Amino acid sequence: MIPLEYYLYIGAFLFCAGVVLVLTKRNAIVVLMGIELIFNAANINLVAFSQFDPQRLQGQVFTLFVVVIAAAEATIALAIVLKVYQHFKTIRLDDLNELKG
C-alpha cells in the first residue's frame, strides 16, 4: 500500500505548480490550466484522505462536486476568453486594461 505522504507530496507539487502558473503567466488559457491544477491537487488530497478512512466516502463525494464545479468553471471561463478575444483580438492578460462595451 502506498503511504499517505506520497499522495500529499503529489498534491502539494500540483498545487505549487498551479499557483506558479496563475501568478507568472500572462496568457489567459495558461492561467485557466493553473486553476485546474489547483483543483486537481485538492482532489488528490481529498481522495487520499478518504482512502485512509474506509468507513466514510465523504472525500470522494466532495471530489465529485469539485470535478463538476471545475468543469462548469472551465466552460464558462473558455466562453469568456473567446468573447474577450473577439473584442480585443488578444488573450494576454496584460493587454486587457479596459472593460468597456
N, C-alpha and C. Protein backbone atom coordinates (compact mmCIF):
# COMPACT_ATOMS: atom_id res chain seq x y z
N MET A 1 0.84 -1.19 0.00
CA MET A 1 0.00 0.00 0.00
C MET A 1 0.88 1.25 0.00
N ILE A 2 0.51 2.20 -0.78
CA ILE A 2 1.27 3.45 -0.90
C ILE A 2 0.96 4.33 0.31
N PRO A 3 1.99 4.87 0.96
CA PRO A 3 1.76 5.71 2.14
C PRO A 3 1.04 7.02 1.78
N LEU A 4 0.34 7.57 2.75
CA LEU A 4 -0.42 8.80 2.56
C LEU A 4 0.49 9.97 2.17
N GLU A 5 1.70 9.97 2.67
CA GLU A 5 2.61 11.09 2.40
C GLU A 5 2.89 11.26 0.91
N TYR A 6 2.96 10.16 0.18
CA TYR A 6 3.24 10.25 -1.25
C TYR A 6 2.12 10.99 -1.99
N TYR A 7 0.88 10.68 -1.61
CA TYR A 7 -0.26 11.38 -2.21
C TYR A 7 -0.20 12.87 -1.87
N LEU A 8 0.15 13.17 -0.64
CA LEU A 8 0.22 14.57 -0.23
C LEU A 8 1.36 15.30 -0.92
N TYR A 9 2.47 14.62 -1.17
CA TYR A 9 3.57 15.24 -1.92
C TYR A 9 3.15 15.57 -3.34
N ILE A 10 2.46 14.63 -3.97
CA ILE A 10 1.99 14.89 -5.35
C ILE A 10 0.98 16.03 -5.36
N GLY A 11 0.06 16.03 -4.39
CA GLY A 11 -0.91 17.11 -4.30
C GLY A 11 -0.24 18.46 -4.06
N ALA A 12 0.76 18.49 -3.19
CA ALA A 12 1.48 19.75 -2.93
C ALA A 12 2.23 20.23 -4.16
N PHE A 13 2.84 19.29 -4.88
CA PHE A 13 3.56 19.67 -6.10
C PHE A 13 2.60 20.25 -7.14
N LEU A 14 1.45 19.58 -7.35
CA LEU A 14 0.48 20.10 -8.32
C LEU A 14 -0.07 21.45 -7.89
N PHE A 15 -0.31 21.62 -6.59
CA PHE A 15 -0.81 22.90 -6.10
C PHE A 15 0.20 24.01 -6.35
N CYS A 16 1.47 23.74 -6.01
CA CYS A 16 2.51 24.76 -6.23
C CYS A 16 2.69 25.08 -7.71
N ALA A 17 2.63 24.05 -8.55
CA ALA A 17 2.74 24.29 -10.00
C ALA A 17 1.58 25.15 -10.49
N GLY A 18 0.39 24.88 -9.99
CA GLY A 18 -0.77 25.68 -10.38
C GLY A 18 -0.67 27.12 -9.94
N VAL A 19 -0.21 27.33 -8.72
CA VAL A 19 -0.05 28.70 -8.21
C VAL A 19 1.01 29.44 -9.01
N VAL A 20 2.11 28.78 -9.34
CA VAL A 20 3.16 29.42 -10.14
C VAL A 20 2.60 29.82 -11.51
N LEU A 21 1.82 28.94 -12.13
CA LEU A 21 1.24 29.27 -13.43
C LEU A 21 0.29 30.47 -13.33
N VAL A 22 -0.54 30.48 -12.31
CA VAL A 22 -1.50 31.57 -12.16
C VAL A 22 -0.79 32.89 -11.93
N LEU A 23 0.28 32.88 -11.14
CA LEU A 23 0.94 34.13 -10.79
C LEU A 23 1.94 34.63 -11.83
N THR A 24 2.49 33.75 -12.65
CA THR A 24 3.56 34.19 -13.55
C THR A 24 3.16 34.31 -15.01
N LYS A 25 2.21 33.57 -15.46
CA LYS A 25 1.87 33.58 -16.88
C LYS A 25 0.89 34.69 -17.20
N ARG A 26 0.97 35.16 -18.42
CA ARG A 26 0.11 36.26 -18.87
C ARG A 26 -0.99 35.81 -19.82
N ASN A 27 -0.91 34.58 -20.28
CA ASN A 27 -1.89 34.05 -21.21
C ASN A 27 -3.09 33.52 -20.43
N ALA A 28 -4.29 33.91 -20.82
CA ALA A 28 -5.50 33.53 -20.08
C ALA A 28 -5.72 32.01 -20.08
N ILE A 29 -5.40 31.34 -21.16
CA ILE A 29 -5.58 29.89 -21.23
C ILE A 29 -4.64 29.19 -20.26
N VAL A 30 -3.41 29.65 -20.15
CA VAL A 30 -2.45 29.03 -19.23
C VAL A 30 -2.86 29.29 -17.78
N VAL A 31 -3.41 30.46 -17.50
CA VAL A 31 -3.90 30.75 -16.16
C VAL A 31 -5.05 29.80 -15.81
N LEU A 32 -5.93 29.54 -16.75
CA LEU A 32 -7.02 28.59 -16.51
C LEU A 32 -6.49 27.18 -16.27
N MET A 33 -5.43 26.80 -16.98
CA MET A 33 -4.83 25.49 -16.73
C MET A 33 -4.22 25.43 -15.33
N GLY A 34 -3.66 26.52 -14.86
CA GLY A 34 -3.13 26.57 -13.50
C GLY A 34 -4.23 26.41 -12.45
N ILE A 35 -5.37 27.02 -12.70
CA ILE A 35 -6.51 26.86 -11.78
C ILE A 35 -6.97 25.41 -11.76
N GLU A 36 -6.99 24.77 -12.91
CA GLU A 36 -7.37 23.35 -12.96
C GLU A 36 -6.37 22.48 -12.20
N LEU A 37 -5.09 22.81 -12.27
CA LEU A 37 -4.09 22.07 -11.49
C LEU A 37 -4.35 22.21 -10.00
N ILE A 38 -4.73 23.39 -9.57
CA ILE A 38 -5.04 23.60 -8.15
C ILE A 38 -6.24 22.75 -7.74
N PHE A 39 -7.28 22.72 -8.57
CA PHE A 39 -8.44 21.88 -8.27
C PHE A 39 -8.05 20.40 -8.20
N ASN A 40 -7.21 19.95 -9.13
CA ASN A 40 -6.81 18.55 -9.13
C ASN A 40 -5.95 18.20 -7.92
N ALA A 41 -5.15 19.13 -7.46
CA ALA A 41 -4.36 18.89 -6.25
C ALA A 41 -5.27 18.70 -5.05
N ALA A 42 -6.30 19.52 -4.95
CA ALA A 42 -7.26 19.35 -3.85
C ALA A 42 -7.99 18.01 -3.97
N ASN A 43 -8.32 17.61 -5.18
CA ASN A 43 -9.00 16.32 -5.38
C ASN A 43 -8.12 15.15 -4.96
N ILE A 44 -6.84 15.20 -5.29
CA ILE A 44 -5.93 14.12 -4.90
C ILE A 44 -5.86 14.01 -3.38
N ASN A 45 -5.78 15.14 -2.71
CA ASN A 45 -5.73 15.11 -1.25
C ASN A 45 -7.03 14.58 -0.65
N LEU A 46 -8.16 14.98 -1.19
CA LEU A 46 -9.43 14.52 -0.66
C LEU A 46 -9.60 13.01 -0.83
N VAL A 47 -9.26 12.50 -2.00
CA VAL A 47 -9.38 11.06 -2.24
C VAL A 47 -8.38 10.29 -1.39
N ALA A 48 -7.18 10.82 -1.21
CA ALA A 48 -6.18 10.13 -0.39
C ALA A 48 -6.64 10.03 1.06
N PHE A 49 -7.16 11.12 1.60
CA PHE A 49 -7.65 11.07 2.98
C PHE A 49 -8.86 10.15 3.09
N SER A 50 -9.69 10.12 2.07
CA SER A 50 -10.85 9.23 2.08
C SER A 50 -10.42 7.77 2.01
N GLN A 51 -9.36 7.49 1.29
CA GLN A 51 -8.86 6.11 1.17
C GLN A 51 -8.39 5.57 2.52
N PHE A 52 -7.83 6.45 3.33
CA PHE A 52 -7.31 6.01 4.62
C PHE A 52 -8.35 6.04 5.72
N ASP A 53 -9.60 6.36 5.40
CA ASP A 53 -10.73 6.27 6.33
C ASP A 53 -11.83 5.50 5.61
N PRO A 54 -11.75 4.16 5.58
CA PRO A 54 -12.62 3.37 4.70
C PRO A 54 -14.10 3.39 5.08
N GLN A 55 -14.45 3.80 6.28
CA GLN A 55 -15.86 3.82 6.65
C GLN A 55 -16.62 4.99 6.03
N ARG A 56 -15.91 5.99 5.61
CA ARG A 56 -16.57 7.19 5.08
C ARG A 56 -16.13 7.46 3.65
N LEU A 57 -17.06 7.92 2.87
CA LEU A 57 -16.77 8.27 1.48
C LEU A 57 -16.92 9.77 1.25
N GLN A 58 -16.83 10.55 2.31
CA GLN A 58 -17.05 12.00 2.18
C GLN A 58 -16.03 12.66 1.25
N GLY A 59 -14.78 12.23 1.30
CA GLY A 59 -13.77 12.82 0.43
C GLY A 59 -14.04 12.55 -1.03
N GLN A 60 -14.49 11.34 -1.35
CA GLN A 60 -14.77 11.01 -2.74
C GLN A 60 -16.02 11.72 -3.25
N VAL A 61 -17.03 11.87 -2.39
CA VAL A 61 -18.23 12.60 -2.79
C VAL A 61 -17.90 14.07 -3.00
N PHE A 62 -17.11 14.64 -2.11
CA PHE A 62 -16.71 16.03 -2.27
C PHE A 62 -15.88 16.22 -3.53
N THR A 63 -15.05 15.23 -3.86
CA THR A 63 -14.26 15.30 -5.09
C THR A 63 -15.16 15.32 -6.31
N LEU A 64 -16.23 14.57 -6.29
CA LEU A 64 -17.19 14.61 -7.40
C LEU A 64 -17.75 16.01 -7.59
N PHE A 65 -18.11 16.66 -6.49
CA PHE A 65 -18.61 18.03 -6.58
C PHE A 65 -17.56 18.98 -7.13
N VAL A 66 -16.31 18.82 -6.70
CA VAL A 66 -15.23 19.68 -7.19
C VAL A 66 -15.01 19.47 -8.68
N VAL A 67 -15.09 18.23 -9.16
CA VAL A 67 -14.92 17.96 -10.59
C VAL A 67 -16.03 18.61 -11.40
N VAL A 68 -17.26 18.53 -10.91
CA VAL A 68 -18.38 19.15 -11.61
C VAL A 68 -18.22 20.67 -11.64
N ILE A 69 -17.84 21.25 -10.52
CA ILE A 69 -17.64 22.71 -10.47
C ILE A 69 -16.48 23.13 -11.37
N ALA A 70 -15.41 22.34 -11.40
CA ALA A 70 -14.27 22.66 -12.26
C ALA A 70 -14.65 22.59 -13.73
N ALA A 71 -15.47 21.62 -14.10
CA ALA A 71 -15.91 21.53 -15.50
C ALA A 71 -16.78 22.73 -15.87
N ALA A 72 -17.67 23.13 -14.97
CA ALA A 72 -18.51 24.30 -15.24
C ALA A 72 -17.65 25.57 -15.32
N GLU A 73 -16.67 25.67 -14.42
CA GLU A 73 -15.78 26.83 -14.43
C GLU A 73 -14.98 26.91 -15.72
N ALA A 74 -14.49 25.77 -16.18
CA ALA A 74 -13.70 25.75 -17.41
C ALA A 74 -14.55 26.15 -18.61
N THR A 75 -15.78 25.68 -18.63
CA THR A 75 -16.68 26.02 -19.74
C THR A 75 -16.98 27.51 -19.77
N ILE A 76 -17.33 28.06 -18.64
CA ILE A 76 -17.67 29.49 -18.58
C ILE A 76 -16.44 30.34 -18.85
N ALA A 77 -15.30 29.96 -18.28
CA ALA A 77 -14.08 30.74 -18.49
C ALA A 77 -13.64 30.71 -19.95
N LEU A 78 -13.78 29.57 -20.60
CA LEU A 78 -13.41 29.49 -22.00
C LEU A 78 -14.34 30.35 -22.86
N ALA A 79 -15.61 30.38 -22.52
CA ALA A 79 -16.55 31.25 -23.25
C ALA A 79 -16.17 32.72 -23.06
N ILE A 80 -15.79 33.09 -21.85
CA ILE A 80 -15.37 34.47 -21.59
C ILE A 80 -14.10 34.80 -22.37
N VAL A 81 -13.15 33.87 -22.39
CA VAL A 81 -11.90 34.10 -23.13
C VAL A 81 -12.19 34.27 -24.62
N LEU A 82 -13.07 33.47 -25.17
CA LEU A 82 -13.43 33.61 -26.58
C LEU A 82 -14.07 34.96 -26.88
N LYS A 83 -14.95 35.43 -26.00
CA LYS A 83 -15.57 36.74 -26.20
C LYS A 83 -14.55 37.88 -26.07
N VAL A 84 -13.63 37.74 -25.12
CA VAL A 84 -12.58 38.75 -24.97
C VAL A 84 -11.70 38.77 -26.21
N TYR A 85 -11.39 37.60 -26.75
CA TYR A 85 -10.57 37.55 -27.96
C TYR A 85 -11.30 38.19 -29.15
N GLN A 86 -12.59 37.95 -29.25
CA GLN A 86 -13.35 38.56 -30.34
C GLN A 86 -13.33 40.08 -30.25
N HIS A 87 -13.38 40.59 -29.03
CA HIS A 87 -13.44 42.04 -28.86
C HIS A 87 -12.07 42.70 -28.94
N PHE A 88 -11.08 42.16 -28.24
CA PHE A 88 -9.77 42.79 -28.14
C PHE A 88 -8.72 42.21 -29.08
N LYS A 89 -8.98 41.04 -29.68
CA LYS A 89 -8.05 40.36 -30.57
C LYS A 89 -6.76 39.93 -29.85
N THR A 90 -6.85 39.67 -28.55
CA THR A 90 -5.73 39.16 -27.76
C THR A 90 -6.28 38.45 -26.53
N ILE A 91 -5.48 37.48 -26.01
CA ILE A 91 -5.85 36.85 -24.76
C ILE A 91 -4.77 37.07 -23.70
N ARG A 92 -3.84 37.97 -24.00
CA ARG A 92 -2.82 38.32 -23.00
C ARG A 92 -3.47 39.19 -21.94
N LEU A 93 -3.32 38.79 -20.68
CA LEU A 93 -4.00 39.49 -19.60
C LEU A 93 -3.44 40.88 -19.36
N ASP A 94 -2.18 41.11 -19.69
CA ASP A 94 -1.60 42.45 -19.52
C ASP A 94 -2.17 43.46 -20.51
N ASP A 95 -2.61 42.99 -21.66
CA ASP A 95 -3.11 43.90 -22.69
C ASP A 95 -4.58 44.30 -22.46
N LEU A 96 -5.23 43.65 -21.53
CA LEU A 96 -6.65 43.93 -21.28
C LEU A 96 -6.75 44.94 -20.14
N ASN A 97 -6.69 46.21 -20.48
CA ASN A 97 -6.72 47.24 -19.44
C ASN A 97 -8.00 48.05 -19.44
N GLU A 98 -8.92 47.72 -20.31
CA GLU A 98 -10.20 48.44 -20.33
C GLU A 98 -11.32 47.43 -20.49
N LEU A 99 -12.42 47.68 -19.83
CA LEU A 99 -13.56 46.77 -19.89
C LEU A 99 -14.82 47.54 -20.28
N LYS A 100 -14.75 48.27 -21.36
CA LYS A 100 -15.93 48.97 -21.81
C LYS A 100 -16.55 48.23 -22.99
N GLY A 101 -17.84 48.36 -23.15
CA GLY A 101 -18.57 47.63 -24.18
C GLY A 101 -18.44 48.25 -25.49
